[in-house]
Amino acid sequence: MSQDTALATFCHVFDKLDKRCTEPLKNLYTDDVAFTDPLHHIEGREVLMRYYSDMLANVQACRFEVTHRQREGDDAFVAWTLHLTHPRLARGRPLRIAGCSQLTFRGERVCRHRDYFDAGAMLYEHLPLLGAVIRWLKRRVDPASHLR
C-alpha cells in the first residue's frame, strides 16, 4: 500500500463511519497507537476500538467529510467536517463540527492520531443548561458574534 493509498483508505473509512465499522477501523492502526482528542487520551489499538464502539453505540448518524488532506513522509494532516446526529445532543438534530486530524504513519498504519476540534461546539453547547451557559459566555467574549 503506497503512502497516498494508506491516507486515502483512512479517509474513506471515516467517511463511512457507523456501528459496524470496527474491523475496518482496527486495520488502520498499529497495536501501540496513541490517540488524543480534546476529551480523551488513549493508548493501544484494543482500547481505541472499545472507545470507538462505545462512542458509536448511540449515534444515529456519523461521518467525516474530508475537506483537505496532505501527507509528507510519515506525517499527514486531514481537515474535516464531522456530520453527527445523536439523540442526546441538540435534541437529535444533525450537528456539523469542523476539525482536523494530525496523523503519523508507521508503514501502512497510523501509530499516532491527534484530533483538534471545538469540544464546546460538539458537546457542551448542546447539553441542557450547560449549553446555555457556554453560549452566553461565548457571546460575552465575542460581542460581535450576534452580528454573524
N, C-alpha and C. Protein backbone atom coordinates (compact mmCIF):
# COMPACT_ATOMS: atom_id res chain seq x y z
N MET A 1 0.85 -1.17 0.00
CA MET A 1 0.00 0.00 0.00
C MET A 1 0.89 1.24 0.00
N SER A 2 0.71 2.13 -0.95
CA SER A 2 1.53 3.33 -1.01
C SER A 2 1.06 4.34 0.03
N GLN A 3 1.88 5.38 0.23
CA GLN A 3 1.52 6.40 1.21
C GLN A 3 0.18 7.04 0.86
N ASP A 4 -0.03 7.39 -0.39
CA ASP A 4 -1.29 8.02 -0.79
C ASP A 4 -2.46 7.07 -0.59
N THR A 5 -2.27 5.81 -0.87
CA THR A 5 -3.34 4.83 -0.69
C THR A 5 -3.67 4.67 0.79
N ALA A 6 -2.68 4.64 1.65
CA ALA A 6 -2.92 4.50 3.09
C ALA A 6 -3.74 5.67 3.61
N LEU A 7 -3.41 6.88 3.21
CA LEU A 7 -4.16 8.05 3.66
C LEU A 7 -5.56 8.05 3.05
N ALA A 8 -5.67 7.68 1.78
CA ALA A 8 -6.99 7.61 1.14
C ALA A 8 -7.88 6.58 1.84
N THR A 9 -7.31 5.45 2.21
CA THR A 9 -8.07 4.41 2.92
C THR A 9 -8.54 4.94 4.26
N PHE A 10 -7.66 5.62 5.00
CA PHE A 10 -8.02 6.21 6.28
C PHE A 10 -9.22 7.14 6.11
N CYS A 11 -9.15 8.03 5.14
CA CYS A 11 -10.24 9.00 4.92
C CYS A 11 -11.53 8.29 4.52
N HIS A 12 -11.43 7.27 3.69
CA HIS A 12 -12.61 6.53 3.22
C HIS A 12 -13.31 5.83 4.39
N VAL A 13 -12.55 5.22 5.29
CA VAL A 13 -13.16 4.52 6.43
C VAL A 13 -13.92 5.51 7.30
N PHE A 14 -13.37 6.69 7.54
CA PHE A 14 -14.05 7.67 8.39
C PHE A 14 -15.23 8.31 7.68
N ASP A 15 -15.22 8.34 6.37
CA ASP A 15 -16.37 8.84 5.63
C ASP A 15 -17.57 7.90 5.76
N LYS A 16 -17.31 6.64 6.01
CA LYS A 16 -18.38 5.63 6.10
C LYS A 16 -18.58 5.14 7.54
N LEU A 17 -18.23 5.94 8.52
CA LEU A 17 -18.25 5.53 9.91
C LEU A 17 -19.66 5.17 10.39
N ASP A 18 -19.79 4.01 11.02
CA ASP A 18 -21.02 3.62 11.68
C ASP A 18 -20.72 2.53 12.70
N LYS A 19 -21.75 1.98 13.32
CA LYS A 19 -21.58 0.99 14.39
C LYS A 19 -20.91 -0.29 13.93
N ARG A 20 -20.97 -0.57 12.65
CA ARG A 20 -20.44 -1.84 12.14
C ARG A 20 -19.01 -1.71 11.60
N CYS A 21 -18.37 -0.59 11.77
CA CYS A 21 -17.09 -0.35 11.08
C CYS A 21 -15.86 -0.66 11.93
N THR A 22 -15.99 -1.36 13.02
CA THR A 22 -14.83 -1.56 13.89
C THR A 22 -13.71 -2.35 13.21
N GLU A 23 -14.04 -3.31 12.36
CA GLU A 23 -12.97 -4.07 11.70
C GLU A 23 -12.16 -3.20 10.73
N PRO A 24 -12.81 -2.42 9.85
CA PRO A 24 -12.01 -1.52 9.01
C PRO A 24 -11.21 -0.50 9.83
N LEU A 25 -11.80 -0.02 10.94
CA LEU A 25 -11.07 0.91 11.81
C LEU A 25 -9.84 0.24 12.40
N LYS A 26 -10.01 -0.98 12.86
CA LYS A 26 -8.92 -1.72 13.50
C LYS A 26 -7.73 -1.87 12.55
N ASN A 27 -8.01 -2.06 11.28
CA ASN A 27 -6.95 -2.24 10.29
C ASN A 27 -6.18 -0.96 9.99
N LEU A 28 -6.67 0.19 10.44
CA LEU A 28 -5.99 1.46 10.19
C LEU A 28 -4.83 1.72 11.14
N TYR A 29 -4.84 1.07 12.32
CA TYR A 29 -3.95 1.45 13.41
C TYR A 29 -2.93 0.37 13.77
N THR A 30 -1.79 0.81 14.31
CA THR A 30 -0.80 -0.11 14.87
C THR A 30 -1.29 -0.58 16.24
N ASP A 31 -0.72 -1.65 16.75
CA ASP A 31 -1.09 -2.16 18.08
C ASP A 31 -0.85 -1.14 19.17
N ASP A 32 0.19 -0.31 19.02
CA ASP A 32 0.57 0.64 20.07
C ASP A 32 0.14 2.07 19.77
N VAL A 33 -0.92 2.25 19.00
CA VAL A 33 -1.37 3.58 18.60
C VAL A 33 -1.63 4.46 19.83
N ALA A 34 -1.32 5.73 19.68
CA ALA A 34 -1.66 6.75 20.68
C ALA A 34 -2.67 7.69 20.03
N PHE A 35 -3.83 7.83 20.66
CA PHE A 35 -4.91 8.67 20.15
C PHE A 35 -5.21 9.75 21.18
N THR A 36 -5.35 10.99 20.71
CA THR A 36 -5.66 12.10 21.59
C THR A 36 -6.68 13.00 20.90
N ASP A 37 -7.68 13.44 21.65
CA ASP A 37 -8.59 14.48 21.19
C ASP A 37 -8.84 15.40 22.38
N PRO A 38 -9.63 16.46 22.24
CA PRO A 38 -9.82 17.38 23.37
C PRO A 38 -10.43 16.74 24.62
N LEU A 39 -11.01 15.54 24.48
CA LEU A 39 -11.68 14.92 25.62
C LEU A 39 -11.02 13.65 26.12
N HIS A 40 -10.09 13.05 25.35
CA HIS A 40 -9.53 11.75 25.69
C HIS A 40 -8.06 11.63 25.31
N HIS A 41 -7.39 10.73 26.00
CA HIS A 41 -6.08 10.25 25.56
C HIS A 41 -6.11 8.73 25.73
N ILE A 42 -5.85 8.03 24.64
CA ILE A 42 -5.98 6.57 24.62
C ILE A 42 -4.71 5.98 24.05
N GLU A 43 -4.24 4.91 24.67
CA GLU A 43 -3.07 4.19 24.15
C GLU A 43 -3.43 2.73 23.93
N GLY A 44 -3.12 2.24 22.73
CA GLY A 44 -3.36 0.85 22.38
C GLY A 44 -4.56 0.68 21.47
N ARG A 45 -4.41 -0.16 20.48
CA ARG A 45 -5.46 -0.36 19.48
C ARG A 45 -6.73 -0.96 20.08
N GLU A 46 -6.60 -1.94 20.97
CA GLU A 46 -7.80 -2.57 21.54
C GLU A 46 -8.61 -1.57 22.37
N VAL A 47 -7.93 -0.73 23.14
CA VAL A 47 -8.61 0.29 23.94
C VAL A 47 -9.27 1.31 23.01
N LEU A 48 -8.58 1.68 21.94
CA LEU A 48 -9.14 2.62 20.97
C LEU A 48 -10.38 2.02 20.29
N MET A 49 -10.37 0.75 19.99
CA MET A 49 -11.54 0.12 19.37
C MET A 49 -12.73 0.11 20.31
N ARG A 50 -12.49 -0.10 21.61
CA ARG A 50 -13.58 -0.03 22.60
C ARG A 50 -14.14 1.40 22.67
N TYR A 51 -13.25 2.39 22.61
CA TYR A 51 -13.68 3.79 22.59
C TYR A 51 -14.59 4.05 21.40
N TYR A 52 -14.16 3.63 20.21
CA TYR A 52 -14.98 3.84 19.01
C TYR A 52 -16.32 3.13 19.15
N SER A 53 -16.32 1.89 19.62
CA SER A 53 -17.58 1.14 19.78
C SER A 53 -18.52 1.85 20.75
N ASP A 54 -17.99 2.29 21.88
CA ASP A 54 -18.82 2.99 22.87
C ASP A 54 -19.34 4.31 22.31
N MET A 55 -18.47 5.04 21.60
CA MET A 55 -18.85 6.33 21.03
C MET A 55 -19.97 6.17 20.00
N LEU A 56 -19.90 5.13 19.20
CA LEU A 56 -20.86 4.95 18.12
C LEU A 56 -22.13 4.23 18.55
N ALA A 57 -22.16 3.70 19.76
CA ALA A 57 -23.29 2.87 20.20
C ALA A 57 -24.64 3.59 20.10
N ASN A 58 -24.71 4.85 20.48
CA ASN A 58 -25.98 5.58 20.47
C ASN A 58 -26.10 6.62 19.37
N VAL A 59 -25.11 6.67 18.51
CA VAL A 59 -25.12 7.64 17.41
C VAL A 59 -26.10 7.18 16.34
N GLN A 60 -26.91 8.11 15.86
CA GLN A 60 -27.84 7.78 14.78
C GLN A 60 -27.17 7.91 13.42
N ALA A 61 -26.27 8.88 13.28
CA ALA A 61 -25.53 9.07 12.02
C ALA A 61 -24.21 9.74 12.35
N CYS A 62 -23.16 9.31 11.66
CA CYS A 62 -21.83 9.88 11.89
C CYS A 62 -20.98 9.64 10.65
N ARG A 63 -20.42 10.72 10.13
CA ARG A 63 -19.46 10.58 9.04
C ARG A 63 -18.57 11.82 9.03
N PHE A 64 -17.39 11.64 8.48
CA PHE A 64 -16.43 12.72 8.36
C PHE A 64 -16.28 13.08 6.90
N GLU A 65 -16.60 14.30 6.57
CA GLU A 65 -16.41 14.81 5.21
C GLU A 65 -15.02 15.43 5.15
N VAL A 66 -14.12 14.81 4.42
CA VAL A 66 -12.75 15.31 4.32
C VAL A 66 -12.74 16.49 3.36
N THR A 67 -12.22 17.63 3.84
CA THR A 67 -12.17 18.83 3.01
C THR A 67 -10.76 19.10 2.48
N HIS A 68 -9.76 18.51 3.12
CA HIS A 68 -8.38 18.66 2.66
C HIS A 68 -7.54 17.57 3.30
N ARG A 69 -6.59 17.06 2.56
CA ARG A 69 -5.65 16.11 3.13
C ARG A 69 -4.30 16.33 2.49
N GLN A 70 -3.27 16.11 3.31
CA GLN A 70 -1.91 16.33 2.84
C GLN A 70 -0.99 15.39 3.59
N ARG A 71 0.00 14.89 2.88
CA ARG A 71 0.95 13.98 3.52
C ARG A 71 2.35 14.27 3.02
N GLU A 72 3.28 14.24 3.98
CA GLU A 72 4.70 14.36 3.66
C GLU A 72 5.42 13.34 4.52
N GLY A 73 6.00 12.35 3.86
CA GLY A 73 6.67 11.28 4.59
C GLY A 73 5.68 10.51 5.44
N ASP A 74 5.98 10.37 6.73
CA ASP A 74 5.11 9.63 7.64
C ASP A 74 4.03 10.51 8.28
N ASP A 75 4.10 11.81 8.06
CA ASP A 75 3.17 12.74 8.70
C ASP A 75 2.07 13.18 7.74
N ALA A 76 0.85 13.23 8.26
CA ALA A 76 -0.29 13.63 7.44
C ALA A 76 -1.20 14.55 8.24
N PHE A 77 -1.94 15.33 7.52
CA PHE A 77 -2.91 16.27 8.07
C PHE A 77 -4.21 16.10 7.29
N VAL A 78 -5.32 15.98 8.00
CA VAL A 78 -6.63 15.83 7.35
C VAL A 78 -7.58 16.85 7.97
N ALA A 79 -8.11 17.75 7.16
CA ALA A 79 -9.15 18.68 7.61
C ALA A 79 -10.49 18.05 7.28
N TRP A 80 -11.45 18.18 8.20
CA TRP A 80 -12.72 17.50 8.01
C TRP A 80 -13.88 18.27 8.65
N THR A 81 -15.08 17.89 8.24
CA THR A 81 -16.30 18.32 8.89
C THR A 81 -17.01 17.07 9.37
N LEU A 82 -17.27 17.01 10.66
CA LEU A 82 -18.00 15.89 11.25
C LEU A 82 -19.49 16.17 11.13
N HIS A 83 -20.22 15.22 10.56
CA HIS A 83 -21.68 15.26 10.49
C HIS A 83 -22.17 14.23 11.50
N LEU A 84 -22.83 14.69 12.55
CA LEU A 84 -23.18 13.83 13.67
C LEU A 84 -24.63 14.05 14.08
N THR A 85 -25.35 12.95 14.27
CA THR A 85 -26.70 13.00 14.83
C THR A 85 -26.73 12.05 16.02
N HIS A 86 -27.02 12.63 17.18
CA HIS A 86 -27.07 11.86 18.43
C HIS A 86 -28.33 12.29 19.18
N PRO A 87 -29.10 11.36 19.72
CA PRO A 87 -30.36 11.73 20.37
C PRO A 87 -30.20 12.65 21.58
N ARG A 88 -29.04 12.66 22.21
CA ARG A 88 -28.85 13.48 23.41
C ARG A 88 -28.17 14.82 23.12
N LEU A 89 -27.82 15.07 21.88
CA LEU A 89 -27.18 16.34 21.53
C LEU A 89 -28.07 17.13 20.58
N ALA A 90 -28.25 18.40 20.86
CA ALA A 90 -29.02 19.31 20.02
C ALA A 90 -30.42 18.77 19.74
N ARG A 91 -30.99 18.09 20.73
CA ARG A 91 -32.34 17.50 20.61
C ARG A 91 -32.45 16.58 19.39
N GLY A 92 -31.35 15.91 19.08
CA GLY A 92 -31.35 14.95 17.99
C GLY A 92 -31.19 15.54 16.60
N ARG A 93 -31.00 16.86 16.52
CA ARG A 93 -30.78 17.49 15.22
C ARG A 93 -29.35 17.23 14.76
N PRO A 94 -29.13 17.17 13.45
CA PRO A 94 -27.76 16.95 12.94
C PRO A 94 -26.83 18.11 13.32
N LEU A 95 -25.61 17.76 13.69
CA LEU A 95 -24.57 18.74 14.02
C LEU A 95 -23.50 18.69 12.95
N ARG A 96 -22.86 19.84 12.73
CA ARG A 96 -21.69 19.91 11.84
C ARG A 96 -20.57 20.55 12.63
N ILE A 97 -19.47 19.82 12.79
CA ILE A 97 -18.34 20.30 13.57
C ILE A 97 -17.09 20.25 12.69
N ALA A 98 -16.40 21.38 12.56
CA ALA A 98 -15.15 21.42 11.80
C ALA A 98 -14.00 21.00 12.69
N GLY A 99 -13.04 20.28 12.12
CA GLY A 99 -11.87 19.86 12.87
C GLY A 99 -10.78 19.37 11.94
N CYS A 100 -9.73 18.85 12.55
CA CYS A 100 -8.64 18.30 11.75
C CYS A 100 -7.94 17.21 12.55
N SER A 101 -7.27 16.34 11.82
CA SER A 101 -6.51 15.25 12.42
C SER A 101 -5.07 15.34 12.00
N GLN A 102 -4.18 15.16 12.95
CA GLN A 102 -2.76 15.06 12.69
C GLN A 102 -2.40 13.59 12.86
N LEU A 103 -1.85 12.98 11.81
CA LEU A 103 -1.58 11.55 11.80
C LEU A 103 -0.10 11.29 11.59
N THR A 104 0.39 10.24 12.21
CA THR A 104 1.74 9.73 11.94
C THR A 104 1.59 8.27 11.53
N PHE A 105 2.13 7.95 10.38
CA PHE A 105 2.07 6.59 9.87
C PHE A 105 3.36 5.85 10.21
N ARG A 106 3.21 4.58 10.48
CA ARG A 106 4.34 3.65 10.57
C ARG A 106 3.99 2.56 9.56
N GLY A 107 4.67 2.60 8.44
CA GLY A 107 4.31 1.68 7.36
C GLY A 107 2.95 2.08 6.82
N GLU A 108 2.04 1.13 6.80
CA GLU A 108 0.71 1.36 6.24
C GLU A 108 -0.31 1.76 7.28
N ARG A 109 0.08 1.80 8.56
CA ARG A 109 -0.88 2.06 9.63
C ARG A 109 -0.53 3.31 10.43
N VAL A 110 -1.54 3.85 11.07
CA VAL A 110 -1.39 5.05 11.89
C VAL A 110 -0.92 4.64 13.28
N CYS A 111 0.17 5.27 13.74
CA CYS A 111 0.67 5.00 15.09
C CYS A 111 0.37 6.16 16.05
N ARG A 112 0.09 7.34 15.49
CA ARG A 112 -0.32 8.49 16.31
C ARG A 112 -1.46 9.20 15.60
N HIS A 113 -2.51 9.50 16.35
CA HIS A 113 -3.69 10.16 15.79
C HIS A 113 -4.12 11.21 16.80
N ARG A 114 -4.06 12.47 16.39
CA ARG A 114 -4.49 13.56 17.27
C ARG A 114 -5.55 14.38 16.55
N ASP A 115 -6.72 14.51 17.19
CA ASP A 115 -7.81 15.29 16.64
C ASP A 115 -7.90 16.63 17.34
N TYR A 116 -8.16 17.66 16.54
CA TYR A 116 -8.39 19.01 17.05
C TYR A 116 -9.79 19.45 16.62
N PHE A 117 -10.62 19.84 17.58
CA PHE A 117 -11.95 20.37 17.29
C PHE A 117 -12.44 21.13 18.51
N ASP A 118 -13.48 21.90 18.32
CA ASP A 118 -14.08 22.67 19.40
C ASP A 118 -15.03 21.76 20.18
N ALA A 119 -14.58 21.28 21.33
CA ALA A 119 -15.38 20.37 22.14
C ALA A 119 -16.68 21.04 22.60
N GLY A 120 -16.63 22.34 22.81
CA GLY A 120 -17.84 23.06 23.20
C GLY A 120 -18.88 23.01 22.10
N ALA A 121 -18.45 23.24 20.86
CA ALA A 121 -19.38 23.21 19.74
C ALA A 121 -19.94 21.82 19.52
N MET A 122 -19.14 20.81 19.82
CA MET A 122 -19.58 19.44 19.61
C MET A 122 -20.47 18.93 20.73
N LEU A 123 -20.11 19.23 21.94
CA LEU A 123 -20.76 18.59 23.07
C LEU A 123 -21.42 19.58 24.02
N TYR A 124 -20.63 20.40 24.65
CA TYR A 124 -21.12 21.22 25.76
C TYR A 124 -22.23 22.19 25.37
N GLU A 125 -22.15 22.79 24.18
CA GLU A 125 -23.16 23.77 23.79
C GLU A 125 -24.52 23.14 23.56
N HIS A 126 -24.59 21.83 23.43
CA HIS A 126 -25.83 21.16 23.09
C HIS A 126 -26.44 20.39 24.26
N LEU A 127 -25.86 20.55 25.43
CA LEU A 127 -26.41 19.91 26.62
C LEU A 127 -27.38 20.88 27.31
N PRO A 128 -28.47 20.37 27.86
CA PRO A 128 -29.39 21.26 28.59
C PRO A 128 -28.65 22.00 29.70
N LEU A 129 -29.02 23.21 29.95
CA LEU A 129 -28.48 24.10 30.98
C LEU A 129 -27.04 24.51 30.67
N LEU A 130 -26.12 23.56 30.63
CA LEU A 130 -24.72 23.89 30.37
C LEU A 130 -24.56 24.56 29.01
N GLY A 131 -25.31 24.13 28.02
CA GLY A 131 -25.23 24.71 26.68
C GLY A 131 -25.56 26.19 26.69
N ALA A 132 -26.60 26.57 27.43
CA ALA A 132 -26.99 27.97 27.51
C ALA A 132 -25.88 28.80 28.15
N VAL A 133 -25.25 28.26 29.17
CA VAL A 133 -24.15 28.97 29.84
C VAL A 133 -22.96 29.14 28.89
N ILE A 134 -22.60 28.09 28.16
CA ILE A 134 -21.47 28.16 27.22
C ILE A 134 -21.76 29.18 26.13
N ARG A 135 -22.97 29.17 25.56
CA ARG A 135 -23.32 30.14 24.52
C ARG A 135 -23.28 31.57 25.07
N TRP A 136 -23.75 31.76 26.29
CA TRP A 136 -23.72 33.08 26.91
C TRP A 136 -22.28 33.55 27.09
N LEU A 137 -21.41 32.65 27.57
CA LEU A 137 -20.00 33.00 27.75
C LEU A 137 -19.35 33.36 26.42
N LYS A 138 -19.64 32.62 25.38
CA LYS A 138 -19.07 32.93 24.06
C LYS A 138 -19.51 34.31 23.59
N ARG A 139 -20.77 34.65 23.82
CA ARG A 139 -21.25 35.98 23.42
C ARG A 139 -20.56 37.08 24.23
N ARG A 140 -20.27 36.81 25.49
CA ARG A 140 -19.58 37.80 26.34
C ARG A 140 -18.15 38.02 25.88
N VAL A 141 -17.49 36.96 25.45
CA VAL A 141 -16.10 37.05 25.00
C VAL A 141 -16.03 37.70 23.61
N ASP A 142 -17.03 37.46 22.76
CA ASP A 142 -17.05 37.97 21.39
C ASP A 142 -18.36 38.72 21.18
N PRO A 143 -18.42 39.99 21.57
CA PRO A 143 -19.68 40.75 21.47
C PRO A 143 -20.21 40.86 20.03
N ALA A 144 -19.34 40.75 19.05
CA ALA A 144 -19.78 40.86 17.65
C ALA A 144 -20.40 39.57 17.13
N SER A 145 -20.40 38.52 17.95
CA SER A 145 -20.90 37.22 17.48
C SER A 145 -22.38 37.28 17.09
N HIS A 146 -23.15 38.16 17.69
CA HIS A 146 -24.57 38.25 17.33
C HIS A 146 -24.77 38.87 15.95
N LEU A 147 -23.73 39.49 15.39
CA LEU A 147 -23.83 40.11 14.07
C LEU A 147 -23.63 39.12 12.93
N ARG A 148 -23.13 37.92 13.24
CA ARG A 148 -22.84 36.94 12.19
C ARG A 148 -24.07 36.17 11.80
